[in-house]
Amino acid sequence: MGALPTTERGRLTRQRIVAAALEVVAENGALGASLDEVGARAPASRSQLYHYFEDKNDLLRAVAEATSDAVLDAQQDLFTGLDTWAGFVRWTDALVALQHEREGKGGCPIANLLGQLGERDNDIRTVLASGFDRWESSIRAGLEAMTASGELRPDTDTDWLATSTLASLQGGLVLSQARRDPRALRRALDGALTLIENYRAPASR
């Protein structure tokens, strides 16, 4: 692992390199990204690249971390609303709306990196798995809050529902990307909502 910055200038330089690497990976894929192109776009010298990153894989691990953070940070406001049924509906509507804006293109950035690098570098796979774990944890926290408030039944299996919901989301994104049709995500998330609704307490319907 490269050196962690100890100054504000160093932190900004490293941040700039990671941002450039994110752009290059998005355009060329992780395997097609070159350090020369990252350095030119940052801009950063070879010595700076190797000061902050041991090698290309080390830089790609930083890209994986930044990608996971970006995906989750973009949903943070919606995550805070997952303590109600209406909040879950708003969250799914926002995800589908984003796919309509993108015309079904792009898929999930975390899953895209996993497909490219997950079998090549175990450390990167672990970073991306942690991103999915954090995503699932946010969903679970909302379900647990709904159970505590009585909106969901006391026997609700929040672990199972959280995993099922995230799996439906990921599957829907893959199909939407393959078909260029956001309706696949809408159907997948409607299925997830139906599962959750089955656990709603009668008084909350």
N, C-alpha and C. Protein backbone atom coordinates (compact mmCIF):
# COMPACT_ATOMS: atom_id res chain seq x y z
N MET A 1 0.85 -1.19 0.00
CA MET A 1 0.00 0.00 0.00
C MET A 1 0.88 1.24 0.00
N GLY A 2 0.50 2.24 -0.80
CA GLY A 2 1.26 3.48 -0.87
C GLY A 2 1.12 4.29 0.40
N ALA A 3 1.85 5.38 0.43
CA ALA A 3 1.84 6.23 1.62
C ALA A 3 0.54 7.02 1.72
N LEU A 4 0.03 7.13 2.94
CA LEU A 4 -1.14 7.97 3.17
C LEU A 4 -0.67 9.41 3.33
N PRO A 5 -1.39 10.36 2.77
CA PRO A 5 -0.95 11.77 2.84
C PRO A 5 -0.96 12.29 4.27
N THR A 6 0.03 13.09 4.59
CA THR A 6 0.13 13.67 5.93
C THR A 6 -0.12 15.18 5.91
N THR A 7 -0.31 15.74 4.72
CA THR A 7 -0.57 17.17 4.59
C THR A 7 -1.83 17.38 3.76
N GLU A 8 -2.39 18.58 3.85
CA GLU A 8 -3.57 18.90 3.05
C GLU A 8 -3.24 18.85 1.57
N ARG A 9 -2.06 19.33 1.21
CA ARG A 9 -1.65 19.29 -0.19
C ARG A 9 -1.56 17.84 -0.68
N GLY A 10 -0.99 16.98 0.15
CA GLY A 10 -0.88 15.58 -0.22
C GLY A 10 -2.25 14.92 -0.33
N ARG A 11 -3.14 15.27 0.58
CA ARG A 11 -4.49 14.70 0.53
C ARG A 11 -5.20 15.11 -0.76
N LEU A 12 -5.05 16.36 -1.14
CA LEU A 12 -5.68 16.83 -2.37
C LEU A 12 -5.07 16.17 -3.61
N THR A 13 -3.77 15.95 -3.58
CA THR A 13 -3.11 15.29 -4.71
C THR A 13 -3.62 13.86 -4.85
N ARG A 14 -3.66 13.14 -3.74
CA ARG A 14 -4.16 11.76 -3.80
C ARG A 14 -5.61 11.73 -4.25
N GLN A 15 -6.41 12.65 -3.74
CA GLN A 15 -7.82 12.74 -4.11
C GLN A 15 -7.96 13.01 -5.60
N ARG A 16 -7.10 13.87 -6.13
CA ARG A 16 -7.14 14.20 -7.56
C ARG A 16 -6.77 12.98 -8.40
N ILE A 17 -5.81 12.21 -7.95
CA ILE A 17 -5.41 11.00 -8.68
C ILE A 17 -6.55 9.99 -8.70
N VAL A 18 -7.19 9.79 -7.58
CA VAL A 18 -8.31 8.83 -7.51
C VAL A 18 -9.45 9.29 -8.40
N ALA A 19 -9.75 10.59 -8.39
CA ALA A 19 -10.82 11.12 -9.24
C ALA A 19 -10.51 10.90 -10.71
N ALA A 20 -9.25 11.10 -11.09
CA ALA A 20 -8.84 10.85 -12.48
C ALA A 20 -8.96 9.38 -12.82
N ALA A 21 -8.57 8.52 -11.88
CA ALA A 21 -8.66 7.08 -12.11
C ALA A 21 -10.11 6.65 -12.26
N LEU A 22 -11.01 7.24 -11.50
CA LEU A 22 -12.44 6.93 -11.64
C LEU A 22 -12.92 7.23 -13.06
N GLU A 23 -12.51 8.36 -13.59
CA GLU A 23 -12.91 8.74 -14.95
C GLU A 23 -12.34 7.77 -15.98
N VAL A 24 -11.06 7.45 -15.83
CA VAL A 24 -10.42 6.55 -16.80
C VAL A 24 -11.04 5.17 -16.75
N VAL A 25 -11.32 4.66 -15.57
CA VAL A 25 -11.94 3.34 -15.42
C VAL A 25 -13.34 3.35 -16.02
N ALA A 26 -14.08 4.43 -15.80
CA ALA A 26 -15.44 4.53 -16.35
C ALA A 26 -15.42 4.51 -17.87
N GLU A 27 -14.40 5.10 -18.45
CA GLU A 27 -14.31 5.19 -19.91
C GLU A 27 -13.70 3.95 -20.55
N ASN A 28 -12.65 3.39 -19.91
CA ASN A 28 -11.88 2.32 -20.54
C ASN A 28 -12.01 0.97 -19.86
N GLY A 29 -12.70 0.93 -18.72
CA GLY A 29 -12.74 -0.30 -17.94
C GLY A 29 -11.53 -0.38 -17.04
N ALA A 30 -11.65 -1.18 -15.98
CA ALA A 30 -10.56 -1.28 -15.01
C ALA A 30 -9.30 -1.87 -15.63
N LEU A 31 -9.47 -2.89 -16.45
CA LEU A 31 -8.30 -3.56 -17.04
C LEU A 31 -7.66 -2.71 -18.13
N GLY A 32 -8.44 -1.83 -18.75
CA GLY A 32 -7.90 -0.98 -19.81
C GLY A 32 -7.35 0.34 -19.32
N ALA A 33 -7.48 0.60 -18.02
CA ALA A 33 -6.99 1.85 -17.47
C ALA A 33 -5.47 1.79 -17.31
N SER A 34 -4.78 2.81 -17.76
CA SER A 34 -3.32 2.86 -17.64
C SER A 34 -2.91 3.94 -16.67
N LEU A 35 -1.81 3.70 -15.97
CA LEU A 35 -1.29 4.70 -15.05
C LEU A 35 -0.86 5.96 -15.78
N ASP A 36 -0.36 5.80 -16.99
CA ASP A 36 0.05 6.97 -17.77
C ASP A 36 -1.15 7.89 -18.03
N GLU A 37 -2.27 7.30 -18.39
CA GLU A 37 -3.46 8.11 -18.67
C GLU A 37 -3.98 8.76 -17.40
N VAL A 38 -3.97 8.01 -16.30
CA VAL A 38 -4.40 8.58 -15.02
C VAL A 38 -3.51 9.75 -14.65
N GLY A 39 -2.19 9.56 -14.78
CA GLY A 39 -1.27 10.63 -14.43
C GLY A 39 -1.46 11.86 -15.29
N ALA A 40 -1.71 11.65 -16.58
CA ALA A 40 -1.90 12.79 -17.48
C ALA A 40 -3.18 13.54 -17.15
N ARG A 41 -4.20 12.81 -16.74
CA ARG A 41 -5.48 13.46 -16.49
C ARG A 41 -5.51 14.13 -15.11
N ALA A 42 -4.70 13.64 -14.16
CA ALA A 42 -4.81 14.14 -12.78
C ALA A 42 -4.55 15.65 -12.63
N PRO A 43 -3.51 16.28 -13.14
CA PRO A 43 -2.26 15.67 -13.59
C PRO A 43 -1.38 15.32 -12.39
N ALA A 44 -0.56 14.28 -12.56
CA ALA A 44 0.35 13.86 -11.50
C ALA A 44 1.52 13.13 -12.14
N SER A 45 2.68 13.29 -11.56
CA SER A 45 3.88 12.62 -12.09
C SER A 45 3.88 11.16 -11.69
N ARG A 46 4.75 10.40 -12.37
CA ARG A 46 4.90 8.98 -12.03
C ARG A 46 5.34 8.83 -10.58
N SER A 47 6.22 9.69 -10.13
CA SER A 47 6.71 9.59 -8.75
C SER A 47 5.58 9.84 -7.76
N GLN A 48 4.65 10.75 -8.09
CA GLN A 48 3.51 10.99 -7.22
C GLN A 48 2.58 9.79 -7.20
N LEU A 49 2.35 9.20 -8.37
CA LEU A 49 1.50 8.01 -8.44
C LEU A 49 2.05 6.91 -7.55
N TYR A 50 3.35 6.66 -7.66
CA TYR A 50 3.94 5.56 -6.90
C TYR A 50 4.22 5.92 -5.45
N HIS A 51 4.13 7.20 -5.14
CA HIS A 51 4.24 7.61 -3.73
C HIS A 51 2.96 7.25 -2.98
N TYR A 52 1.82 7.50 -3.63
CA TYR A 52 0.54 7.27 -2.96
C TYR A 52 -0.04 5.89 -3.23
N PHE A 53 0.42 5.23 -4.29
CA PHE A 53 -0.11 3.92 -4.65
C PHE A 53 1.03 2.99 -5.02
N GLU A 54 1.02 1.81 -4.43
CA GLU A 54 2.10 0.86 -4.64
C GLU A 54 2.19 0.40 -6.08
N ASP A 55 1.02 0.18 -6.70
CA ASP A 55 0.96 -0.28 -8.08
C ASP A 55 -0.45 -0.02 -8.60
N LYS A 56 -0.74 -0.51 -9.79
CA LYS A 56 -2.05 -0.28 -10.39
C LYS A 56 -3.16 -0.90 -9.55
N ASN A 57 -2.93 -2.10 -9.02
CA ASN A 57 -3.95 -2.74 -8.20
C ASN A 57 -4.26 -1.92 -6.96
N ASP A 58 -3.25 -1.31 -6.37
CA ASP A 58 -3.46 -0.47 -5.20
C ASP A 58 -4.33 0.73 -5.56
N LEU A 59 -4.09 1.32 -6.73
CA LEU A 59 -4.92 2.42 -7.19
C LEU A 59 -6.35 1.96 -7.46
N LEU A 60 -6.48 0.77 -8.04
CA LEU A 60 -7.83 0.25 -8.31
C LEU A 60 -8.58 -0.06 -7.01
N ARG A 61 -7.86 -0.44 -5.96
CA ARG A 61 -8.52 -0.61 -4.66
C ARG A 61 -9.09 0.72 -4.17
N ALA A 62 -8.32 1.79 -4.37
CA ALA A 62 -8.82 3.12 -3.99
C ALA A 62 -10.03 3.50 -4.84
N VAL A 63 -10.01 3.13 -6.11
CA VAL A 63 -11.16 3.37 -6.99
C VAL A 63 -12.37 2.60 -6.49
N ALA A 64 -12.17 1.36 -6.06
CA ALA A 64 -13.27 0.56 -5.53
C ALA A 64 -13.87 1.20 -4.29
N GLU A 65 -13.01 1.70 -3.40
CA GLU A 65 -13.50 2.37 -2.20
C GLU A 65 -14.28 3.63 -2.55
N ALA A 66 -13.73 4.43 -3.47
CA ALA A 66 -14.39 5.68 -3.86
C ALA A 66 -15.72 5.41 -4.56
N THR A 67 -15.75 4.35 -5.36
CA THR A 67 -16.99 3.98 -6.06
C THR A 67 -18.07 3.58 -5.08
N SER A 68 -17.73 2.75 -4.11
CA SER A 68 -18.70 2.33 -3.10
C SER A 68 -19.21 3.54 -2.32
N ASP A 69 -18.30 4.41 -1.92
CA ASP A 69 -18.70 5.60 -1.15
C ASP A 69 -19.65 6.48 -1.97
N ALA A 70 -19.34 6.65 -3.26
CA ALA A 70 -20.17 7.53 -4.10
C ALA A 70 -21.58 6.97 -4.27
N VAL A 71 -21.66 5.66 -4.50
CA VAL A 71 -22.98 5.03 -4.70
C VAL A 71 -23.83 5.17 -3.44
N LEU A 72 -23.23 4.94 -2.29
CA LEU A 72 -23.98 4.99 -1.04
C LEU A 72 -24.27 6.42 -0.60
N ASP A 73 -23.29 7.31 -0.79
CA ASP A 73 -23.52 8.71 -0.40
C ASP A 73 -24.67 9.33 -1.19
N ALA A 74 -24.81 8.93 -2.45
CA ALA A 74 -25.87 9.48 -3.30
C ALA A 74 -27.25 9.09 -2.80
N GLN A 75 -27.33 8.03 -2.01
CA GLN A 75 -28.62 7.55 -1.50
C GLN A 75 -28.86 7.92 -0.04
N GLN A 76 -27.91 8.62 0.57
CA GLN A 76 -27.97 8.81 2.01
C GLN A 76 -29.26 9.47 2.48
N ASP A 77 -29.70 10.50 1.80
CA ASP A 77 -30.95 11.17 2.19
C ASP A 77 -32.13 10.21 2.09
N LEU A 78 -32.13 9.36 1.08
CA LEU A 78 -33.21 8.39 0.92
C LEU A 78 -33.14 7.31 1.98
N PHE A 79 -31.91 6.91 2.36
CA PHE A 79 -31.75 5.89 3.40
C PHE A 79 -32.38 6.33 4.71
N THR A 80 -32.28 7.63 5.01
CA THR A 80 -32.83 8.11 6.28
C THR A 80 -34.36 7.99 6.31
N GLY A 81 -34.98 7.85 5.14
CA GLY A 81 -36.43 7.71 5.09
C GLY A 81 -36.93 6.28 5.03
N LEU A 82 -36.01 5.33 5.10
CA LEU A 82 -36.42 3.93 4.99
C LEU A 82 -37.04 3.37 6.27
N ASP A 83 -37.38 4.25 7.21
CA ASP A 83 -38.03 3.79 8.43
C ASP A 83 -39.55 3.79 8.30
N THR A 84 -40.04 4.05 7.07
CA THR A 84 -41.48 4.00 6.81
C THR A 84 -41.73 3.33 5.46
N TRP A 85 -42.93 2.84 5.28
CA TRP A 85 -43.32 2.25 3.99
C TRP A 85 -43.21 3.30 2.89
N ALA A 86 -43.69 4.50 3.15
CA ALA A 86 -43.62 5.57 2.16
C ALA A 86 -42.17 5.86 1.77
N GLY A 87 -41.27 5.75 2.74
CA GLY A 87 -39.85 5.97 2.46
C GLY A 87 -39.27 4.93 1.54
N PHE A 88 -39.70 3.68 1.71
CA PHE A 88 -39.23 2.62 0.81
C PHE A 88 -39.75 2.86 -0.61
N VAL A 89 -40.98 3.30 -0.72
CA VAL A 89 -41.54 3.58 -2.04
C VAL A 89 -40.78 4.74 -2.70
N ARG A 90 -40.47 5.79 -1.93
CA ARG A 90 -39.71 6.92 -2.48
C ARG A 90 -38.33 6.48 -2.95
N TRP A 91 -37.69 5.63 -2.16
CA TRP A 91 -36.35 5.14 -2.52
C TRP A 91 -36.38 4.36 -3.83
N THR A 92 -37.33 3.44 -3.96
CA THR A 92 -37.40 2.66 -5.20
C THR A 92 -37.77 3.54 -6.38
N ASP A 93 -38.66 4.50 -6.17
CA ASP A 93 -39.03 5.41 -7.26
C ASP A 93 -37.82 6.21 -7.73
N ALA A 94 -36.98 6.65 -6.78
CA ALA A 94 -35.80 7.43 -7.14
C ALA A 94 -34.80 6.59 -7.93
N LEU A 95 -34.63 5.34 -7.55
CA LEU A 95 -33.71 4.45 -8.27
C LEU A 95 -34.20 4.21 -9.70
N VAL A 96 -35.48 4.01 -9.86
CA VAL A 96 -36.04 3.80 -11.20
C VAL A 96 -35.94 5.07 -12.03
N ALA A 97 -36.22 6.21 -11.41
CA ALA A 97 -36.13 7.49 -12.13
C ALA A 97 -34.72 7.72 -12.65
N LEU A 98 -33.72 7.36 -11.85
CA LEU A 98 -32.33 7.51 -12.28
C LEU A 98 -32.04 6.64 -13.51
N GLN A 99 -32.58 5.43 -13.52
CA GLN A 99 -32.37 4.56 -14.68
C GLN A 99 -33.08 5.09 -15.92
N HIS A 100 -34.22 5.74 -15.73
CA HIS A 100 -34.88 6.39 -16.87
C HIS A 100 -34.01 7.52 -17.42
N GLU A 101 -33.42 8.30 -16.52
CA GLU A 101 -32.52 9.38 -16.96
C GLU A 101 -31.35 8.83 -17.76
N ARG A 102 -30.86 7.69 -17.33
CA ARG A 102 -29.69 7.08 -17.97
C ARG A 102 -30.07 6.14 -19.13
N GLU A 103 -31.37 6.04 -19.39
CA GLU A 103 -31.87 5.17 -20.45
C GLU A 103 -31.42 3.73 -20.27
N GLY A 104 -31.38 3.31 -19.02
CA GLY A 104 -31.01 1.93 -18.71
C GLY A 104 -29.53 1.65 -18.79
N LYS A 105 -28.71 2.65 -19.03
CA LYS A 105 -27.27 2.44 -19.21
C LYS A 105 -26.53 2.53 -17.88
N GLY A 106 -25.40 1.84 -17.81
CA GLY A 106 -24.50 2.02 -16.67
C GLY A 106 -24.57 0.94 -15.61
N GLY A 107 -25.77 0.46 -15.30
CA GLY A 107 -25.89 -0.54 -14.25
C GLY A 107 -25.45 -0.01 -12.90
N CYS A 108 -24.99 -0.93 -12.05
CA CYS A 108 -24.49 -0.55 -10.73
C CYS A 108 -22.98 -0.44 -10.79
N PRO A 109 -22.41 0.71 -10.44
CA PRO A 109 -20.95 0.88 -10.50
C PRO A 109 -20.18 -0.13 -9.65
N ILE A 110 -20.73 -0.47 -8.48
CA ILE A 110 -20.05 -1.44 -7.62
C ILE A 110 -20.03 -2.81 -8.29
N ALA A 111 -21.18 -3.22 -8.80
CA ALA A 111 -21.27 -4.52 -9.48
C ALA A 111 -20.40 -4.56 -10.74
N ASN A 112 -20.33 -3.44 -11.44
CA ASN A 112 -19.51 -3.39 -12.65
C ASN A 112 -18.05 -3.66 -12.32
N LEU A 113 -17.55 -3.03 -11.27
CA LEU A 113 -16.16 -3.26 -10.86
C LEU A 113 -15.96 -4.69 -10.37
N LEU A 114 -16.94 -5.20 -9.66
CA LEU A 114 -16.83 -6.58 -9.17
C LEU A 114 -16.70 -7.56 -10.33
N GLY A 115 -17.48 -7.32 -11.39
CA GLY A 115 -17.40 -8.19 -12.55
C GLY A 115 -16.05 -8.14 -13.24
N GLN A 116 -15.41 -6.99 -13.19
CA GLN A 116 -14.11 -6.84 -13.85
C GLN A 116 -12.94 -7.31 -12.99
N LEU A 117 -13.06 -7.13 -11.68
CA LEU A 117 -11.89 -7.33 -10.82
C LEU A 117 -12.08 -8.34 -9.69
N GLY A 118 -13.32 -8.73 -9.42
CA GLY A 118 -13.59 -9.56 -8.25
C GLY A 118 -12.85 -10.88 -8.22
N GLU A 119 -12.62 -11.48 -9.40
CA GLU A 119 -11.91 -12.75 -9.44
C GLU A 119 -10.42 -12.59 -9.65
N ARG A 120 -9.96 -11.36 -9.79
CA ARG A 120 -8.54 -11.11 -10.04
C ARG A 120 -7.80 -10.62 -8.81
N ASP A 121 -8.50 -9.94 -7.91
CA ASP A 121 -7.85 -9.36 -6.74
C ASP A 121 -8.78 -9.49 -5.55
N ASN A 122 -8.37 -10.30 -4.58
CA ASN A 122 -9.25 -10.57 -3.45
C ASN A 122 -9.45 -9.35 -2.57
N ASP A 123 -8.43 -8.49 -2.47
CA ASP A 123 -8.58 -7.28 -1.67
C ASP A 123 -9.63 -6.35 -2.27
N ILE A 124 -9.63 -6.23 -3.59
CA ILE A 124 -10.64 -5.39 -4.25
C ILE A 124 -12.02 -6.02 -4.08
N ARG A 125 -12.11 -7.33 -4.21
CA ARG A 125 -13.38 -8.00 -4.00
C ARG A 125 -13.92 -7.72 -2.60
N THR A 126 -13.03 -7.74 -1.61
CA THR A 126 -13.43 -7.48 -0.24
C THR A 126 -13.94 -6.05 -0.07
N VAL A 127 -13.26 -5.10 -0.71
CA VAL A 127 -13.70 -3.71 -0.64
C VAL A 127 -15.11 -3.56 -1.23
N LEU A 128 -15.34 -4.18 -2.37
CA LEU A 128 -16.64 -4.07 -3.03
C LEU A 128 -17.72 -4.82 -2.25
N ALA A 129 -17.35 -5.97 -1.67
CA ALA A 129 -18.31 -6.70 -0.83
C ALA A 129 -18.72 -5.85 0.36
N SER A 130 -17.76 -5.10 0.91
CA SER A 130 -18.08 -4.21 2.02
C SER A 130 -19.07 -3.13 1.60
N GLY A 131 -18.94 -2.66 0.36
CA GLY A 131 -19.91 -1.69 -0.15
C GLY A 131 -21.32 -2.27 -0.18
N PHE A 132 -21.43 -3.50 -0.68
CA PHE A 132 -22.73 -4.16 -0.69
C PHE A 132 -23.24 -4.38 0.74
N ASP A 133 -22.33 -4.74 1.66
CA ASP A 133 -22.73 -4.96 3.05
C ASP A 133 -23.29 -3.68 3.66
N ARG A 134 -22.65 -2.55 3.38
CA ARG A 134 -23.12 -1.27 3.89
C ARG A 134 -24.48 -0.92 3.30
N TRP A 135 -24.65 -1.21 2.02
CA TRP A 135 -25.93 -0.96 1.34
C TRP A 135 -27.03 -1.80 2.00
N GLU A 136 -26.75 -3.07 2.18
CA GLU A 136 -27.73 -3.97 2.80
C GLU A 136 -28.02 -3.55 4.24
N SER A 137 -26.99 -3.09 4.94
CA SER A 137 -27.17 -2.65 6.32
C SER A 137 -28.12 -1.45 6.41
N SER A 138 -28.04 -0.54 5.45
CA SER A 138 -28.95 0.62 5.44
C SER A 138 -30.39 0.18 5.21
N ILE A 139 -30.56 -0.80 4.33
CA ILE A 139 -31.90 -1.33 4.09
C ILE A 139 -32.42 -2.02 5.35
N ARG A 140 -31.56 -2.83 5.96
CA ARG A 140 -31.95 -3.56 7.17
C ARG A 140 -32.32 -2.61 8.30
N ALA A 141 -31.55 -1.54 8.44
CA ALA A 141 -31.83 -0.57 9.50
C ALA A 141 -33.23 0.03 9.34
N GLY A 142 -33.60 0.31 8.09
CA GLY A 142 -34.94 0.82 7.85
C GLY A 142 -36.01 -0.19 8.20
N LEU A 143 -35.80 -1.43 7.82
CA LEU A 143 -36.77 -2.49 8.13
C LEU A 143 -36.89 -2.71 9.64
N GLU A 144 -35.75 -2.65 10.33
CA GLU A 144 -35.76 -2.81 11.78
C GLU A 144 -36.51 -1.66 12.45
N ALA A 145 -36.35 -0.46 11.92
CA ALA A 145 -37.07 0.70 12.46
C ALA A 145 -38.58 0.54 12.24
N MET A 146 -38.96 0.03 11.07
CA MET A 146 -40.38 -0.19 10.80
C MET A 146 -40.95 -1.28 11.71
N THR A 147 -40.15 -2.28 12.01
CA THR A 147 -40.60 -3.33 12.93
C THR A 147 -40.76 -2.77 14.33
N ALA A 148 -39.80 -1.96 14.77
CA ALA A 148 -39.85 -1.37 16.11
C ALA A 148 -41.05 -0.43 16.28
N SER A 149 -41.40 0.26 15.20
CA SER A 149 -42.52 1.20 15.28
C SER A 149 -43.87 0.53 15.12
N GLY A 150 -43.87 -0.75 14.77
CA GLY A 150 -45.12 -1.48 14.59
C GLY A 150 -45.66 -1.46 13.18
N GLU A 151 -44.92 -0.82 12.25
CA GLU A 151 -45.38 -0.80 10.87
C GLU A 151 -45.21 -2.16 10.21
N LEU A 152 -44.19 -2.90 10.64
CA LEU A 152 -44.03 -4.29 10.21
C LEU A 152 -44.30 -5.22 11.39
N ARG A 153 -44.72 -6.43 11.09
CA ARG A 153 -45.04 -7.40 12.13
C ARG A 153 -43.81 -7.75 12.97
N PRO A 154 -44.02 -8.14 14.22
CA PRO A 154 -42.87 -8.51 15.08
C PRO A 154 -42.06 -9.69 14.56
N ASP A 155 -42.69 -10.56 13.76
CA ASP A 155 -41.99 -11.75 13.26
C ASP A 155 -41.25 -11.50 11.95
N THR A 156 -41.13 -10.23 11.55
CA THR A 156 -40.46 -9.90 10.29
C THR A 156 -38.99 -10.30 10.33
N ASP A 157 -38.56 -11.04 9.31
CA ASP A 157 -37.16 -11.44 9.19
C ASP A 157 -36.44 -10.33 8.40
N THR A 158 -35.92 -9.36 9.13
CA THR A 158 -35.32 -8.19 8.46
C THR A 158 -34.04 -8.55 7.71
N ASP A 159 -33.30 -9.54 8.19
CA ASP A 159 -32.09 -9.96 7.47
C ASP A 159 -32.46 -10.51 6.10
N TRP A 160 -33.44 -11.38 6.08
CA TRP A 160 -33.88 -12.00 4.82
C TRP A 160 -34.44 -10.96 3.86
N LEU A 161 -35.26 -10.05 4.38
CA LEU A 161 -35.86 -9.03 3.53
C LEU A 161 -34.81 -8.07 2.98
N ALA A 162 -33.83 -7.71 3.80
CA ALA A 162 -32.78 -6.80 3.34
C ALA A 162 -31.96 -7.42 2.22
N THR A 163 -31.58 -8.68 2.40
CA THR A 163 -30.82 -9.37 1.35
C THR A 163 -31.65 -9.51 0.08
N SER A 164 -32.92 -9.90 0.23
CA SER A 164 -33.80 -10.07 -0.92
C SER A 164 -34.00 -8.76 -1.68
N THR A 165 -34.14 -7.67 -0.93
CA THR A 165 -34.34 -6.36 -1.55
C THR A 165 -33.11 -5.93 -2.34
N LEU A 166 -31.94 -6.09 -1.75
CA LEU A 166 -30.72 -5.71 -2.46
C LEU A 166 -30.50 -6.61 -3.68
N ALA A 167 -30.80 -7.90 -3.52
CA ALA A 167 -30.65 -8.81 -4.66
C ALA A 167 -31.61 -8.45 -5.78
N SER A 168 -32.83 -8.06 -5.44
CA SER A 168 -33.79 -7.63 -6.46
C SER A 168 -33.31 -6.37 -7.17
N LEU A 169 -32.77 -5.45 -6.39
CA LEU A 169 -32.22 -4.22 -6.97
C LEU A 169 -31.08 -4.52 -7.94
N GLN A 170 -30.15 -5.36 -7.53
CA GLN A 170 -29.01 -5.67 -8.38
C GLN A 170 -29.44 -6.42 -9.63
N GLY A 171 -30.33 -7.38 -9.47
CA GLY A 171 -30.82 -8.11 -10.64
C GLY A 171 -31.57 -7.21 -11.61
N GLY A 172 -32.37 -6.30 -11.05
CA GLY A 172 -33.10 -5.36 -11.90
C GLY A 172 -32.18 -4.43 -12.65
N LEU A 173 -31.09 -4.01 -12.00
CA LEU A 173 -30.12 -3.14 -12.68
C LEU A 173 -29.41 -3.88 -13.82
N VAL A 174 -29.08 -5.14 -13.60
CA VAL A 174 -28.43 -5.92 -14.66
C VAL A 174 -29.35 -6.07 -15.86
N LEU A 175 -30.60 -6.41 -15.62
CA LEU A 175 -31.55 -6.59 -16.74
C LEU A 175 -31.83 -5.26 -17.44
N SER A 176 -31.93 -4.19 -16.66
CA SER A 176 -32.16 -2.87 -17.27
C SER A 176 -30.98 -2.48 -18.15
N GLN A 177 -29.77 -2.78 -17.69
CA GLN A 177 -28.58 -2.47 -18.47
C GLN A 177 -28.52 -3.31 -19.74
N ALA A 178 -28.82 -4.59 -19.61
CA ALA A 178 -28.74 -5.49 -20.76
C ALA A 178 -29.80 -5.15 -21.81
N ARG A 179 -30.99 -4.80 -21.34
CA ARG A 179 -32.11 -4.54 -22.26
C ARG A 179 -32.28 -3.07 -22.61
N ARG A 180 -31.51 -2.20 -21.90
CA ARG A 180 -31.71 -0.75 -22.04
C ARG A 180 -33.18 -0.41 -21.76
N ASP A 181 -33.70 -1.02 -20.71
CA ASP A 181 -35.12 -0.87 -20.38
C ASP A 181 -35.28 -0.77 -18.87
N PRO A 182 -35.50 0.43 -18.33
CA PRO A 182 -35.64 0.61 -16.89
C PRO A 182 -36.84 -0.11 -16.28
N ARG A 183 -37.76 -0.57 -17.13
CA ARG A 183 -38.92 -1.28 -16.59
C ARG A 183 -38.51 -2.57 -15.88
N ALA A 184 -37.39 -3.14 -16.26
CA ALA A 184 -36.92 -4.35 -15.58
C ALA A 184 -36.61 -4.05 -14.11
N LEU A 185 -35.99 -2.90 -13.86
CA LEU A 185 -35.72 -2.52 -12.47
C LEU A 185 -37.02 -2.23 -11.73
N ARG A 186 -37.96 -1.56 -12.40
CA ARG A 186 -39.23 -1.27 -11.77
C ARG A 186 -39.94 -2.56 -11.33
N ARG A 187 -39.94 -3.55 -12.19
CA ARG A 187 -40.60 -4.81 -11.85
C ARG A 187 -39.89 -5.53 -10.72
N ALA A 188 -38.56 -5.51 -10.76
CA ALA A 188 -37.79 -6.18 -9.70
C ALA A 188 -38.04 -5.51 -8.34
N LEU A 189 -38.05 -4.19 -8.33
CA LEU A 189 -38.26 -3.48 -7.07
C LEU A 189 -39.71 -3.57 -6.61
N ASP A 190 -40.65 -3.64 -7.54
CA ASP A 190 -42.04 -3.87 -7.15
C ASP A 190 -42.18 -5.23 -6.46
N GLY A 191 -41.42 -6.21 -6.96
CA GLY A 191 -41.43 -7.52 -6.31
C GLY A 191 -40.88 -7.43 -4.89
N ALA A 192 -39.81 -6.66 -4.71
CA ALA A 192 -39.24 -6.48 -3.38
C ALA A 192 -40.23 -5.78 -2.45
N LEU A 193 -40.92 -4.76 -2.97
CA LEU A 193 -41.91 -4.06 -2.16
C LEU A 193 -43.07 -4.98 -1.77
N THR A 194 -43.44 -5.86 -2.67
CA THR A 194 -44.51 -6.81 -2.36
C THR A 194 -44.10 -7.72 -1.21
N LEU A 195 -42.85 -8.18 -1.22
CA LEU A 195 -42.36 -9.01 -0.11
C LEU A 195 -42.43 -8.25 1.21
N ILE A 196 -41.99 -7.00 1.18
CA ILE A 196 -42.03 -6.20 2.41
C ILE A 196 -43.48 -5.96 2.85
N GLU A 197 -44.34 -5.68 1.89
CA GLU A 197 -45.74 -5.39 2.21
C GLU A 197 -46.42 -6.59 2.87
N ASN A 198 -45.97 -7.78 2.52
CA ASN A 198 -46.55 -8.98 3.14
C ASN A 198 -46.32 -9.02 4.64
N TYR A 199 -45.33 -8.27 5.11
CA TYR A 199 -45.04 -8.24 6.54
C TYR A 199 -45.61 -7.00 7.23
N ARG A 200 -46.31 -6.17 6.50
CA ARG A 200 -46.87 -4.97 7.14
C ARG A 200 -47.97 -5.36 8.12
N ALA A 201 -47.98 -4.68 9.25
CA ALA A 201 -49.01 -4.93 10.26
C ALA A 201 -50.35 -4.45 9.71
N PRO A 202 -51.43 -5.16 10.01
CA PRO A 202 -52.75 -4.77 9.47
C PRO A 202 -53.10 -3.31 9.72
N ALA A 203 -52.73 -2.79 10.87
CA ALA A 203 -53.10 -1.41 11.21
C ALA A 203 -52.36 -0.39 10.36
N SER A 204 -51.25 -0.78 9.72
CA SER A 204 -50.46 0.18 8.95
C SER A 204 -50.80 0.15 7.47
N ARG A 205 -51.68 -0.72 7.05
CA ARG A 205 -52.01 -0.82 5.63
C ARG A 205 -53.00 0.27 5.22
